[in-house]
Amino acid sequence: MPGALWRMPARDRVLYLTFDDGPDPQLTPWVLDELAAVDARATFFCRGDRATARPDLVERMRTDGHAVGGHTWDHPDGWRTPQRAFLRNVLRGQRVVGGMLFRPPYGRLTPAQLLALRRRLRVVMWDVLSRDYDIRCTAQQCLDRTLRLARPGSIVVFHDAPKAADRLRVVLPEALKHWRDAGYRFASLA
């Protein structure tokens, strides 16, 4: 998908951690605490419906130095949603979270949707998908995959949502420790 950001330039040993589908009242505060413990910055792609329910968590993300982007209002699939309805859903979510960053749910956009969105927003994809949401993957499989694929400049996707909680609570601390020990630092996409 040309025109979207898939990874950052490989300067130094920097990773760009991202979290989709939140904020979640139980998991997001834990994620923020884990990031703070290693002085990491990240980018949170928030659903508008969940951000409306927990504006305090969105504010904490920003106060803690993280970037915040949109992830639509309620997570429709861009390939299965008519263009006008999808774009309305995106803009409704962006009005809540603000900013210029956007990530499509499931990474699915039609070329026409991408063209329309690029006029207003920076569309961010990824080059490392942790698969923390996938109940068929163990936490160890998610960790191994994420560590194997990440390299300087990678945009890594995690999820601060209930579907990923069991795996994320294992993977995130282990990955942060591994990367820190390997000399990486963590930046937001702001």
C-alpha atoms as a PDB file:
ATOM      1  CA  MET A   1       0.000   0.000   0.000  1.00  0.00           C
ATOM      2  CA  PRO A   2       2.116   2.899  -1.255  1.00  0.00           C
ATOM      3  CA  GLY A   3       1.474   6.170   0.514  1.00  0.00           C
ATOM      4  CA  ALA A   4       1.215   4.665   4.000  1.00  0.00           C
ATOM      5  CA  LEU A   5       4.010   4.608   6.574  1.00  0.00           C
ATOM      6  CA  TRP A   6       5.243   1.043   7.115  1.00  0.00           C
ATOM      7  CA  ARG A   7       8.482   1.654   9.018  1.00  0.00           C
ATOM      8  CA  MET A   8      10.743   4.485  10.011  1.00  0.00           C
ATOM      9  CA  PRO A   9      14.275   5.132   8.741  1.00  0.00           C
ATOM     10  CA  ALA A  10      16.754   2.779  10.397  1.00  0.00           C
ATOM     11  CA  ARG A  11      18.689   5.418  12.335  1.00  0.00           C
ATOM     12  CA  ASP A  12      20.369   4.147  15.451  1.00  0.00           C
ATOM     13  CA  ARG A  13      18.590   1.424  17.420  1.00  0.00           C
ATOM     14  CA  VAL A  14      15.096   2.876  17.701  1.00  0.00           C
ATOM     15  CA  LEU A  15      11.814   0.973  17.737  1.00  0.00           C
ATOM     16  CA  TYR A  16       8.349   2.478  17.377  1.00  0.00           C
ATOM     17  CA  LEU A  17       5.934   0.560  19.588  1.00  0.00           C
ATOM     18  CA  THR A  18       2.255   0.997  18.844  1.00  0.00           C
ATOM     19  CA  PHE A  19      -0.878  -0.143  20.662  1.00  0.00           C
ATOM     20  CA  ASP A  20      -4.230  -0.608  18.919  1.00  0.00           C
ATOM     21  CA  ASP A  21      -7.870  -0.941  20.014  1.00  0.00           C
ATOM     22  CA  GLY A  22      -7.761   0.782  23.415  1.00  0.00           C
ATOM     23  CA  PRO A  23      -8.021   2.389  25.724  1.00  0.00           C
ATOM     24  CA  ASP A  24      -9.013  -0.435  28.024  1.00  0.00           C
ATOM     25  CA  PRO A  25      -9.679   0.372  31.700  1.00  0.00           C
ATOM     26  CA  GLN A  26      -7.654  -2.597  32.991  1.00  0.00           C
ATOM     27  CA  LEU A  27      -4.924  -3.136  30.405  1.00  0.00           C
ATOM     28  CA  THR A  28      -4.020   0.379  29.252  1.00  0.00           C
ATOM     29  CA  PRO A  29      -2.902   1.654  32.694  1.00  0.00           C
ATOM     30  CA  TRP A  30      -0.682  -1.429  33.025  1.00  0.00           C
ATOM     31  CA  VAL A  31       0.819  -0.799  29.560  1.00  0.00           C
ATOM     32  CA  LEU A  32       1.494   2.827  30.472  1.00  0.00           C
ATOM     33  CA  ASP A  33       3.197   1.719  33.694  1.00  0.00           C
ATOM     34  CA  GLU A  34       5.361  -0.824  31.845  1.00  0.00           C
ATOM     35  CA  LEU A  35       6.429   1.814  29.318  1.00  0.00           C
ATOM     36  CA  ALA A  36       7.174   4.345  32.066  1.00  0.00           C
ATOM     37  CA  ALA A  37       9.354   1.825  33.898  1.00  0.00           C
ATOM     38  CA  VAL A  38      11.809   1.808  30.980  1.00  0.00           C
ATOM     39  CA  ASP A  39      11.275   5.436  29.907  1.00  0.00           C
ATOM     40  CA  ALA A  40       9.727   4.296  26.620  1.00  0.00           C
ATOM     41  CA  ARG A  41       7.541   6.391  24.356  1.00  0.00           C
ATOM     42  CA  ALA A  42       4.943   4.777  22.119  1.00  0.00           C
ATOM     43  CA  THR A  43       1.972   5.571  19.907  1.00  0.00           C
ATOM     44  CA  PHE A  44      -1.572   4.564  20.831  1.00  0.00           C
ATOM     45  CA  PHE A  45      -4.153   4.123  18.066  1.00  0.00           C
ATOM     46  CA  CYS A  46      -7.427   4.524  19.954  1.00  0.00           C
ATOM     47  CA  ARG A  47     -10.952   3.610  18.993  1.00  0.00           C
ATOM     48  CA  GLY A  48     -13.239   6.588  19.315  1.00  0.00           C
ATOM     49  CA  ASP A  49     -15.937   4.739  21.230  1.00  0.00           C
ATOM     50  CA  ARG A  50     -13.420   3.537  23.823  1.00  0.00           C
ATOM     51  CA  ALA A  51     -11.645   6.897  24.039  1.00  0.00           C
ATOM     52  CA  THR A  52     -15.002   8.560  24.702  1.00  0.00           C
ATOM     53  CA  ALA A  53     -15.597   6.146  27.572  1.00  0.00           C
ATOM     54  CA  ARG A  54     -12.120   6.733  29.077  1.00  0.00           C
ATOM     55  CA  PRO A  55     -10.855  10.220  28.220  1.00  0.00           C
ATOM     56  CA  ASP A  56      -8.711  10.083  31.373  1.00  0.00           C
ATOM     57  CA  LEU A  57      -6.594   7.331  29.809  1.00  0.00           C
ATOM     58  CA  VAL A  58      -6.160   9.242  26.558  1.00  0.00           C
ATOM     59  CA  GLU A  59      -5.066  12.264  28.587  1.00  0.00           C
ATOM     60  CA  ARG A  60      -2.605  10.112  30.544  1.00  0.00           C
ATOM     61  CA  MET A  61      -1.129   8.803  27.276  1.00  0.00           C
ATOM     62  CA  ARG A  62      -0.397  12.366  26.221  1.00  0.00           C
ATOM     63  CA  THR A  63       0.793  13.480  29.676  1.00  0.00           C
ATOM     64  CA  ASP A  64       3.206  10.527  29.743  1.00  0.00           C
ATOM     65  CA  GLY A  65       4.683  11.695  26.419  1.00  0.00           C
ATOM     66  CA  HIS A  66       3.066   9.236  24.029  1.00  0.00           C
ATOM     67  CA  ALA A  67       1.494  10.028  20.670  1.00  0.00           C
ATOM     68  CA  VAL A  68      -2.205   9.315  20.120  1.00  0.00           C
ATOM     69  CA  GLY A  69      -3.819   8.506  16.786  1.00  0.00           C
ATOM     70  CA  GLY A  70      -7.183   7.315  15.563  1.00  0.00           C
ATOM     71  CA  HIS A  71      -8.328   3.770  14.879  1.00  0.00           C
ATOM     72  CA  THR A  72     -11.872   4.636  13.673  1.00  0.00           C
ATOM     73  CA  TRP A  73     -14.918   4.997  15.894  1.00  0.00           C
ATOM     74  CA  ASP A  74     -15.819   1.314  16.324  1.00  0.00           C
ATOM     75  CA  HIS A  75     -13.359  -0.789  14.273  1.00  0.00           C
ATOM     76  CA  PRO A  76     -15.054  -1.451  10.904  1.00  0.00           C
ATOM     77  CA  ASP A  77     -13.255  -3.446   8.231  1.00  0.00           C
ATOM     78  CA  GLY A  78     -12.286  -1.087   5.393  1.00  0.00           C
ATOM     79  CA  TRP A  79     -12.622  -3.839   2.801  1.00  0.00           C
ATOM     80  CA  ARG A  80     -16.187  -4.656   3.860  1.00  0.00           C
ATOM     81  CA  THR A  81     -17.536  -1.184   4.583  1.00  0.00           C
ATOM     82  CA  PRO A  82     -18.768   1.191   1.866  1.00  0.00           C
ATOM     83  CA  GLN A  83     -16.352   4.052   1.366  1.00  0.00           C
ATOM     84  CA  ARG A  84     -18.555   6.891   2.618  1.00  0.00           C
ATOM     85  CA  ALA A  85     -19.570   4.964   5.741  1.00  0.00           C
ATOM     86  CA  PHE A  86     -15.955   4.007   6.434  1.00  0.00           C
ATOM     87  CA  LEU A  87     -14.666   7.562   6.018  1.00  0.00           C
ATOM     88  CA  ARG A  88     -17.421   8.893   8.307  1.00  0.00           C
ATOM     89  CA  ASN A  89     -16.415   6.306  10.902  1.00  0.00           C
ATOM     90  CA  VAL A  90     -12.759   7.333  10.634  1.00  0.00           C
ATOM     91  CA  LEU A  91     -13.520  11.036  10.995  1.00  0.00           C
ATOM     92  CA  ARG A  92     -15.883  10.439  13.917  1.00  0.00           C
ATOM     93  CA  GLY A  93     -13.086   8.632  15.732  1.00  0.00           C
ATOM     94  CA  GLN A  94     -10.510  11.304  14.827  1.00  0.00           C
ATOM     95  CA  ARG A  95     -12.727  14.021  16.282  1.00  0.00           C
ATOM     96  CA  VAL A  96     -12.491  12.261  19.641  1.00  0.00           C
ATOM     97  CA  VAL A  97      -8.765  11.435  19.736  1.00  0.00           C
ATOM     98  CA  GLY A  98      -7.455  14.325  17.640  1.00  0.00           C
ATOM     99  CA  GLY A  99      -4.110  14.405  15.898  1.00  0.00           C
ATOM    100  CA  MET A 100      -3.039  13.503  12.403  1.00  0.00           C
ATOM    101  CA  LEU A 101      -2.144   9.821  12.841  1.00  0.00           C
ATOM    102  CA  PHE A 102      -4.489   7.045  11.733  1.00  0.00           C
ATOM    103  CA  ARG A 103      -4.260   3.268  11.546  1.00  0.00           C
ATOM    104  CA  PRO A 104      -6.973   1.261   9.780  1.00  0.00           C
ATOM    105  CA  PRO A 105      -8.461  -1.714  11.645  1.00  0.00           C
ATOM    106  CA  TYR A 106      -6.930  -4.981  10.416  1.00  0.00           C
ATOM    107  CA  GLY A 107      -4.675  -2.855   8.193  1.00  0.00           C
ATOM    108  CA  ARG A 108      -7.434  -2.916   5.592  1.00  0.00           C
ATOM    109  CA  LEU A 109      -8.048   0.040   3.299  1.00  0.00           C
ATOM    110  CA  THR A 110      -9.094   0.223  -0.303  1.00  0.00           C
ATOM    111  CA  PRO A 111      -6.921   2.373  -2.581  1.00  0.00           C
ATOM    112  CA  ALA A 112      -9.739   4.947  -2.774  1.00  0.00           C
ATOM    113  CA  GLN A 113     -10.022   5.088   1.032  1.00  0.00           C
ATOM    114  CA  LEU A 114      -6.272   5.565   1.349  1.00  0.00           C
ATOM    115  CA  LEU A 115      -6.301   8.356  -1.212  1.00  0.00           C
ATOM    116  CA  ALA A 116      -9.123  10.156   0.593  1.00  0.00           C
ATOM    117  CA  LEU A 117      -7.537   9.743   4.029  1.00  0.00           C
ATOM    118  CA  ARG A 118      -4.051  10.842   2.953  1.00  0.00           C
ATOM    119  CA  ARG A 119      -5.454  14.315   2.276  1.00  0.00           C
ATOM    120  CA  ARG A 120      -6.093  14.785   6.018  1.00  0.00           C
ATOM    121  CA  LEU A 121      -4.166  12.140   7.937  1.00  0.00           C
ATOM    122  CA  ARG A 122      -0.885  10.241   8.126  1.00  0.00           C
ATOM    123  CA  VAL A 123      -1.811   6.583   7.580  1.00  0.00           C
ATOM    124  CA  VAL A 124       0.427   4.337   9.685  1.00  0.00           C
ATOM    125  CA  MET A 125       0.787   0.618   9.085  1.00  0.00           C
ATOM    126  CA  TRP A 126       3.552  -1.645  10.512  1.00  0.00           C
ATOM    127  CA  ASP A 127       6.306  -4.063   9.654  1.00  0.00           C
ATOM    128  CA  VAL A 128       6.067  -6.192  12.828  1.00  0.00           C
ATOM    129  CA  LEU A 129       2.742  -7.629  13.980  1.00  0.00           C
ATOM    130  CA  SER A 130       3.038  -9.275  17.397  1.00  0.00           C
ATOM    131  CA  ARG A 131      -0.127 -11.362  16.925  1.00  0.00           C
ATOM    132  CA  ASP A 132      -0.902 -10.827  20.605  1.00  0.00           C
ATOM    133  CA  TYR A 133      -4.604 -10.804  19.673  1.00  0.00           C
ATOM    134  CA  ASP A 134      -4.481 -14.323  18.166  1.00  0.00           C
ATOM    135  CA  ILE A 135      -5.790 -16.967  20.579  1.00  0.00           C
ATOM    136  CA  ARG A 136      -4.077 -19.639  18.455  1.00  0.00           C
ATOM    137  CA  CYS A 137      -0.669 -18.219  19.413  1.00  0.00           C
ATOM    138  CA  THR A 138       0.969 -18.739  22.760  1.00  0.00           C
ATOM    139  CA  ALA A 139       2.621 -15.821  24.478  1.00  0.00           C
ATOM    140  CA  GLN A 140       5.994 -17.414  23.752  1.00  0.00           C
ATOM    141  CA  GLN A 141       5.192 -17.664  20.035  1.00  0.00           C
ATOM    142  CA  CYS A 142       4.156 -13.991  19.998  1.00  0.00           C
ATOM    143  CA  LEU A 143       7.343 -13.002  21.804  1.00  0.00           C
ATOM    144  CA  ASP A 144       9.607 -15.083  19.557  1.00  0.00           C
ATOM    145  CA  ARG A 145       7.977 -13.697  16.418  1.00  0.00           C
ATOM    146  CA  THR A 146       8.183 -10.094  17.595  1.00  0.00           C
ATOM    147  CA  LEU A 147      11.829 -10.334  18.669  1.00  0.00           C
ATOM    148  CA  ARG A 148      12.814 -12.134  15.446  1.00  0.00           C
ATOM    149  CA  LEU A 149      11.203  -9.565  13.131  1.00  0.00           C
ATOM    150  CA  ALA A 150      11.978  -6.269  14.885  1.00  0.00           C
ATOM    151  CA  ARG A 151      14.925  -4.260  13.583  1.00  0.00           C
ATOM    152  CA  PRO A 152      15.962  -0.605  13.794  1.00  0.00           C
ATOM    153  CA  GLY A 153      13.116   1.567  12.533  1.00  0.00           C
ATOM    154  CA  SER A 154      10.431  -1.103  12.959  1.00  0.00           C
ATOM    155  CA  ILE A 155       6.872  -0.127  13.745  1.00  0.00           C
ATOM    156  CA  VAL A 156       5.662  -2.863  16.100  1.00  0.00           C
ATOM    157  CA  VAL A 157       1.954  -3.530  16.743  1.00  0.00           C
ATOM    158  CA  PHE A 158       0.569  -4.615  20.097  1.00  0.00           C
ATOM    159  CA  HIS A 159      -3.018  -4.363  21.343  1.00  0.00           C
ATOM    160  CA  ASP A 160      -4.193  -2.799  24.611  1.00  0.00           C
ATOM    161  CA  ALA A 161      -7.513  -4.608  24.474  1.00  0.00           C
ATOM    162  CA  PRO A 162      -8.984  -7.600  26.337  1.00  0.00           C
ATOM    163  CA  LYS A 163      -8.456  -9.992  23.414  1.00  0.00           C
ATOM    164  CA  ALA A 164      -4.689  -9.574  23.809  1.00  0.00           C
ATOM    165  CA  ALA A 165      -4.378  -9.215  27.584  1.00  0.00           C
ATOM    166  CA  ASP A 166      -3.100 -12.682  28.491  1.00  0.00           C
ATOM    167  CA  ARG A 167      -0.399 -12.667  25.837  1.00  0.00           C
ATOM    168  CA  LEU A 168       0.516  -8.978  26.141  1.00  0.00           C
ATOM    169  CA  ARG A 169       1.119  -9.252  29.902  1.00  0.00           C
ATOM    170  CA  VAL A 170       3.835 -11.816  29.131  1.00  0.00           C
ATOM    171  CA  VAL A 171       5.198 -10.452  25.864  1.00  0.00           C
ATOM    172  CA  LEU A 172       5.545  -6.729  26.580  1.00  0.00           C
ATOM    173  CA  PRO A 173       7.793  -6.887  29.685  1.00  0.00           C
ATOM    174  CA  GLU A 174       9.983  -9.576  28.109  1.00  0.00           C
ATOM    175  CA  ALA A 175      10.291  -7.717  24.816  1.00  0.00           C
ATOM    176  CA  LEU A 176      11.067  -4.396  26.526  1.00  0.00           C
ATOM    177  CA  LYS A 177      13.789  -6.057  28.614  1.00  0.00           C
ATOM    178  CA  HIS A 178      15.280  -7.844  25.592  1.00  0.00           C
ATOM    179  CA  TRP A 179      15.334  -4.710  23.457  1.00  0.00           C
ATOM    180  CA  ARG A 180      16.660  -2.520  26.283  1.00  0.00           C
ATOM    181  CA  ASP A 181      19.485  -5.007  26.918  1.00  0.00           C
ATOM    182  CA  ALA A 182      20.249  -4.931  23.176  1.00  0.00           C
ATOM    183  CA  GLY A 183      20.630  -1.143  23.275  1.00  0.00           C
ATOM    184  CA  TYR A 184      17.307  -0.094  21.753  1.00  0.00           C
ATOM    185  CA  ARG A 185      15.327   2.951  22.717  1.00  0.00           C
ATOM    186  CA  PHE A 186      11.642   3.554  22.048  1.00  0.00           C
ATOM    187  CA  ALA A 187      10.101   6.576  20.329  1.00  0.00           C
ATOM    188  CA  SER A 188       6.616   7.687  19.397  1.00  0.00           C
ATOM    189  CA  LEU A 189       5.546   8.498  15.871  1.00  0.00           C
ATOM    190  CA  ALA A 190       4.729  12.100  16.806  1.00  0.00           C
END
